[in-house]
Structures are given as C-alpha cells and as structure tokens.
Amino acid sequence: MTAANPTALVEVRSGHGRAADAPVVDIAGVEWPTHKVHAVIAALVVALIALTITGSASAVAWSSGVALVAVWWAERAWYALHPRP
C-alpha cells in the first residue's frame, strides 16, 4: 500500500474561468473570495428560514443547497464579467 502524495491531490489552474479580480476576505489566515463567504451566509439564512417554516430536514437541505449554488455562481460570474479596476 502506498501513501497518498498530497501535492498530487491539488490541481492548480491559472487564469481560465477564474474570477481572479474578485475581492477576498481573510478568514483564519486564508484568503477566501467574497462570493464564497456570501454563498455560505446565504445558505445559513435560507436554512434557518426553511427550518422555521417547514421543520423538514429535506426542505432545509434542498433550499439551502440551491441558495448556496445560486449565490456562489452568480457572484462568481459577476466578478468574471466586471473586473475591478
């Protein structure tokens, strides 16, 4: 049995399809693009609302997942189309 090579598990692609000019937020020493932070916050808010309204774990999972993906990709596309000066 061989040990996994951690450097082989990380693929770095530069430039193409990336919102390189997106603003970042420093979280615990790691720079996160703001679209990721906004997506997580939106998913948490939607999860709390769905849990309050429905009480169904399935509804919470689906609605928060849809909110996360929608915010993540919408903001990522926005920053890709509207680069910062």
N, C-alpha and C. Protein backbone atom coordinates (compact mmCIF):
# COMPACT_ATOMS: atom_id res chain seq x y z
N MET A 1 0.84 -1.17 0.00
CA MET A 1 0.00 0.00 0.00
C MET A 1 0.89 1.25 0.00
N THR A 2 0.57 2.18 -0.84
CA THR A 2 1.38 3.40 -0.91
C THR A 2 0.63 4.56 -0.28
N ALA A 3 1.39 5.48 0.24
CA ALA A 3 0.80 6.67 0.86
C ALA A 3 0.41 7.66 -0.23
N ALA A 4 -0.63 8.42 0.04
CA ALA A 4 -1.07 9.43 -0.92
C ALA A 4 -0.09 10.60 -0.94
N ASN A 5 0.15 11.09 -2.11
CA ASN A 5 1.01 12.26 -2.26
C ASN A 5 0.12 13.50 -2.23
N PRO A 6 0.18 14.31 -1.16
CA PRO A 6 -0.73 15.46 -1.06
C PRO A 6 -0.55 16.47 -2.19
N THR A 7 0.65 16.59 -2.72
CA THR A 7 0.86 17.55 -3.80
C THR A 7 0.18 17.10 -5.09
N ALA A 8 -0.02 15.81 -5.24
CA ALA A 8 -0.68 15.29 -6.44
C ALA A 8 -2.20 15.46 -6.35
N LEU A 9 -2.72 15.69 -5.15
CA LEU A 9 -4.15 15.82 -4.97
C LEU A 9 -4.65 17.24 -5.23
N VAL A 10 -3.73 18.17 -5.38
CA VAL A 10 -4.11 19.56 -5.58
C VAL A 10 -3.74 19.96 -7.00
N GLU A 11 -4.74 20.38 -7.74
CA GLU A 11 -4.51 20.82 -9.10
C GLU A 11 -4.68 22.33 -9.16
N VAL A 12 -3.70 23.01 -9.71
CA VAL A 12 -3.76 24.46 -9.80
C VAL A 12 -3.87 24.86 -11.26
N ARG A 13 -4.94 25.56 -11.56
CA ARG A 13 -5.14 26.07 -12.91
C ARG A 13 -5.13 27.59 -12.83
N SER A 14 -4.35 28.22 -13.63
CA SER A 14 -4.25 29.66 -13.55
C SER A 14 -5.08 30.34 -14.63
N GLY A 15 -5.81 31.33 -14.20
CA GLY A 15 -6.46 32.22 -15.14
C GLY A 15 -7.78 31.79 -15.73
N HIS A 16 -7.83 30.72 -16.46
CA HIS A 16 -9.01 30.40 -17.25
C HIS A 16 -10.22 30.09 -16.39
N GLY A 17 -11.31 30.83 -16.61
CA GLY A 17 -12.56 30.59 -15.92
C GLY A 17 -12.56 30.99 -14.45
N ARG A 18 -11.60 31.75 -14.05
CA ARG A 18 -11.47 32.10 -12.65
C ARG A 18 -11.75 33.58 -12.47
N ALA A 19 -12.48 33.91 -11.41
CA ALA A 19 -12.74 35.30 -11.09
C ALA A 19 -11.54 35.85 -10.32
N ALA A 20 -10.44 36.06 -11.01
CA ALA A 20 -9.19 36.43 -10.36
C ALA A 20 -9.26 37.79 -9.69
N ASP A 21 -10.12 38.66 -10.18
CA ASP A 21 -10.20 40.01 -9.62
C ASP A 21 -11.26 40.13 -8.54
N ALA A 22 -11.80 39.03 -8.09
CA ALA A 22 -12.82 39.07 -7.04
C ALA A 22 -12.17 39.50 -5.73
N PRO A 23 -12.86 40.33 -4.95
CA PRO A 23 -12.31 40.72 -3.66
C PRO A 23 -12.24 39.53 -2.72
N VAL A 24 -11.30 39.58 -1.79
CA VAL A 24 -11.11 38.47 -0.87
C VAL A 24 -11.28 38.93 0.57
N VAL A 25 -11.56 37.95 1.45
CA VAL A 25 -11.71 38.18 2.87
C VAL A 25 -10.74 37.23 3.57
N ASP A 26 -10.02 37.73 4.57
CA ASP A 26 -9.09 36.90 5.30
C ASP A 26 -9.82 36.18 6.43
N ILE A 27 -9.90 34.85 6.36
CA ILE A 27 -10.55 34.05 7.38
C ILE A 27 -9.52 33.06 7.91
N ALA A 28 -9.13 33.24 9.15
CA ALA A 28 -8.15 32.37 9.81
C ALA A 28 -6.86 32.24 9.00
N GLY A 29 -6.42 33.33 8.42
CA GLY A 29 -5.17 33.33 7.67
C GLY A 29 -5.27 32.85 6.24
N VAL A 30 -6.49 32.55 5.79
CA VAL A 30 -6.70 32.07 4.41
C VAL A 30 -7.57 33.08 3.68
N GLU A 31 -7.15 33.46 2.48
CA GLU A 31 -7.93 34.41 1.69
C GLU A 31 -9.06 33.68 0.97
N TRP A 32 -10.29 34.03 1.31
CA TRP A 32 -11.47 33.47 0.66
C TRP A 32 -12.08 34.53 -0.25
N PRO A 33 -12.44 34.18 -1.48
CA PRO A 33 -13.19 35.12 -2.31
C PRO A 33 -14.52 35.45 -1.64
N THR A 34 -14.94 36.70 -1.74
CA THR A 34 -16.16 37.11 -1.05
C THR A 34 -17.39 36.36 -1.57
N HIS A 35 -17.37 35.91 -2.82
CA HIS A 35 -18.56 35.20 -3.31
C HIS A 35 -18.76 33.89 -2.56
N LYS A 36 -17.69 33.28 -2.09
CA LYS A 36 -17.84 32.05 -1.30
C LYS A 36 -18.41 32.36 0.08
N VAL A 37 -17.94 33.44 0.69
CA VAL A 37 -18.44 33.83 2.01
C VAL A 37 -19.92 34.21 1.92
N HIS A 38 -20.28 34.97 0.91
CA HIS A 38 -21.68 35.36 0.73
C HIS A 38 -22.56 34.14 0.49
N ALA A 39 -22.06 33.17 -0.25
CA ALA A 39 -22.85 31.96 -0.53
C ALA A 39 -23.10 31.16 0.75
N VAL A 40 -22.10 31.04 1.59
CA VAL A 40 -22.27 30.30 2.85
C VAL A 40 -23.25 31.03 3.77
N ILE A 41 -23.13 32.35 3.85
CA ILE A 41 -24.05 33.12 4.69
C ILE A 41 -25.48 33.01 4.17
N ALA A 42 -25.65 33.11 2.86
CA ALA A 42 -26.99 32.99 2.27
C ALA A 42 -27.58 31.60 2.55
N ALA A 43 -26.77 30.56 2.45
CA ALA A 43 -27.25 29.21 2.71
C ALA A 43 -27.68 29.05 4.17
N LEU A 44 -26.93 29.63 5.09
CA LEU A 44 -27.30 29.56 6.50
C LEU A 44 -28.61 30.29 6.78
N VAL A 45 -28.77 31.46 6.20
CA VAL A 45 -30.01 32.23 6.39
C VAL A 45 -31.20 31.47 5.82
N VAL A 46 -31.05 30.95 4.62
CA VAL A 46 -32.14 30.20 3.98
C VAL A 46 -32.45 28.93 4.78
N ALA A 47 -31.42 28.28 5.32
CA ALA A 47 -31.65 27.08 6.13
C ALA A 47 -32.45 27.40 7.38
N LEU A 48 -32.11 28.49 8.04
CA LEU A 48 -32.87 28.88 9.25
C LEU A 48 -34.31 29.22 8.92
N ILE A 49 -34.52 29.93 7.82
CA ILE A 49 -35.89 30.28 7.42
C ILE A 49 -36.68 29.02 7.05
N ALA A 50 -36.06 28.14 6.27
CA ALA A 50 -36.76 26.91 5.87
C ALA A 50 -37.06 26.02 7.06
N LEU A 51 -36.14 25.95 8.01
CA LEU A 51 -36.37 25.15 9.21
C LEU A 51 -37.51 25.72 10.04
N THR A 52 -37.56 27.05 10.12
CA THR A 52 -38.63 27.71 10.88
C THR A 52 -39.99 27.49 10.23
N ILE A 53 -40.04 27.60 8.91
CA ILE A 53 -41.31 27.49 8.20
C ILE A 53 -41.78 26.05 8.07
N THR A 54 -40.88 25.16 7.64
CA THR A 54 -41.31 23.79 7.32
C THR A 54 -41.01 22.77 8.41
N GLY A 55 -39.88 22.92 9.09
CA GLY A 55 -39.47 21.92 10.06
C GLY A 55 -38.97 20.64 9.43
N SER A 56 -38.81 20.64 8.13
CA SER A 56 -38.39 19.46 7.39
C SER A 56 -36.90 19.54 7.04
N ALA A 57 -36.16 18.51 7.41
CA ALA A 57 -34.73 18.48 7.11
C ALA A 57 -34.48 18.43 5.60
N SER A 58 -35.35 17.74 4.90
CA SER A 58 -35.21 17.64 3.45
C SER A 58 -35.39 19.01 2.79
N ALA A 59 -36.38 19.76 3.23
CA ALA A 59 -36.61 21.10 2.68
C ALA A 59 -35.45 22.03 3.01
N VAL A 60 -34.91 21.90 4.21
CA VAL A 60 -33.76 22.72 4.61
C VAL A 60 -32.56 22.41 3.73
N ALA A 61 -32.27 21.13 3.52
CA ALA A 61 -31.12 20.74 2.72
C ALA A 61 -31.23 21.22 1.28
N TRP A 62 -32.39 21.01 0.68
CA TRP A 62 -32.57 21.42 -0.72
C TRP A 62 -32.54 22.94 -0.88
N SER A 63 -33.27 23.65 -0.03
CA SER A 63 -33.34 25.11 -0.20
C SER A 63 -32.01 25.77 0.10
N SER A 64 -31.30 25.32 1.13
CA SER A 64 -30.00 25.93 1.42
C SER A 64 -28.97 25.57 0.36
N GLY A 65 -29.05 24.36 -0.18
CA GLY A 65 -28.15 23.98 -1.26
C GLY A 65 -28.36 24.79 -2.51
N VAL A 66 -29.61 25.01 -2.86
CA VAL A 66 -29.93 25.83 -4.03
C VAL A 66 -29.47 27.27 -3.82
N ALA A 67 -29.68 27.80 -2.63
CA ALA A 67 -29.25 29.18 -2.34
C ALA A 67 -27.74 29.30 -2.42
N LEU A 68 -27.02 28.32 -1.87
CA LEU A 68 -25.56 28.36 -1.89
C LEU A 68 -25.03 28.38 -3.32
N VAL A 69 -25.52 27.45 -4.13
CA VAL A 69 -25.03 27.36 -5.51
C VAL A 69 -25.41 28.59 -6.32
N ALA A 70 -26.63 29.09 -6.13
CA ALA A 70 -27.08 30.26 -6.89
C ALA A 70 -26.25 31.49 -6.57
N VAL A 71 -26.02 31.75 -5.30
CA VAL A 71 -25.24 32.93 -4.92
C VAL A 71 -23.79 32.76 -5.35
N TRP A 72 -23.22 31.60 -5.13
CA TRP A 72 -21.82 31.34 -5.48
C TRP A 72 -21.58 31.60 -6.96
N TRP A 73 -22.38 30.98 -7.83
CA TRP A 73 -22.14 31.12 -9.27
C TRP A 73 -22.54 32.48 -9.81
N ALA A 74 -23.59 33.08 -9.25
CA ALA A 74 -23.99 34.41 -9.73
C ALA A 74 -22.92 35.45 -9.42
N GLU A 75 -22.40 35.44 -8.21
CA GLU A 75 -21.35 36.41 -7.87
C GLU A 75 -20.05 36.10 -8.59
N ARG A 76 -19.74 34.84 -8.74
CA ARG A 76 -18.51 34.47 -9.46
C ARG A 76 -18.59 34.95 -10.91
N ALA A 77 -19.74 34.77 -11.53
CA ALA A 77 -19.93 35.24 -12.91
C ALA A 77 -19.88 36.76 -12.97
N TRP A 78 -20.43 37.42 -11.97
CA TRP A 78 -20.41 38.88 -11.93
C TRP A 78 -18.97 39.40 -11.91
N TYR A 79 -18.15 38.84 -11.03
CA TYR A 79 -16.76 39.29 -10.94
C TYR A 79 -15.96 38.93 -12.18
N ALA A 80 -16.31 37.85 -12.84
CA ALA A 80 -15.61 37.48 -14.07
C ALA A 80 -15.94 38.45 -15.20
N LEU A 81 -17.20 38.93 -15.22
CA LEU A 81 -17.63 39.85 -16.29
C LEU A 81 -17.32 41.30 -15.98
N HIS A 82 -17.17 41.63 -14.71
CA HIS A 82 -16.94 43.01 -14.30
C HIS A 82 -15.67 43.09 -13.44
N PRO A 83 -14.50 43.02 -14.06
CA PRO A 83 -13.27 43.05 -13.27
C PRO A 83 -13.08 44.40 -12.58
N ARG A 84 -12.43 44.33 -11.43
CA ARG A 84 -12.17 45.55 -10.67
C ARG A 84 -11.06 46.34 -11.35
N PRO A 85 -11.12 47.66 -11.24
CA PRO A 85 -10.06 48.48 -11.88
C PRO A 85 -8.73 48.37 -11.18
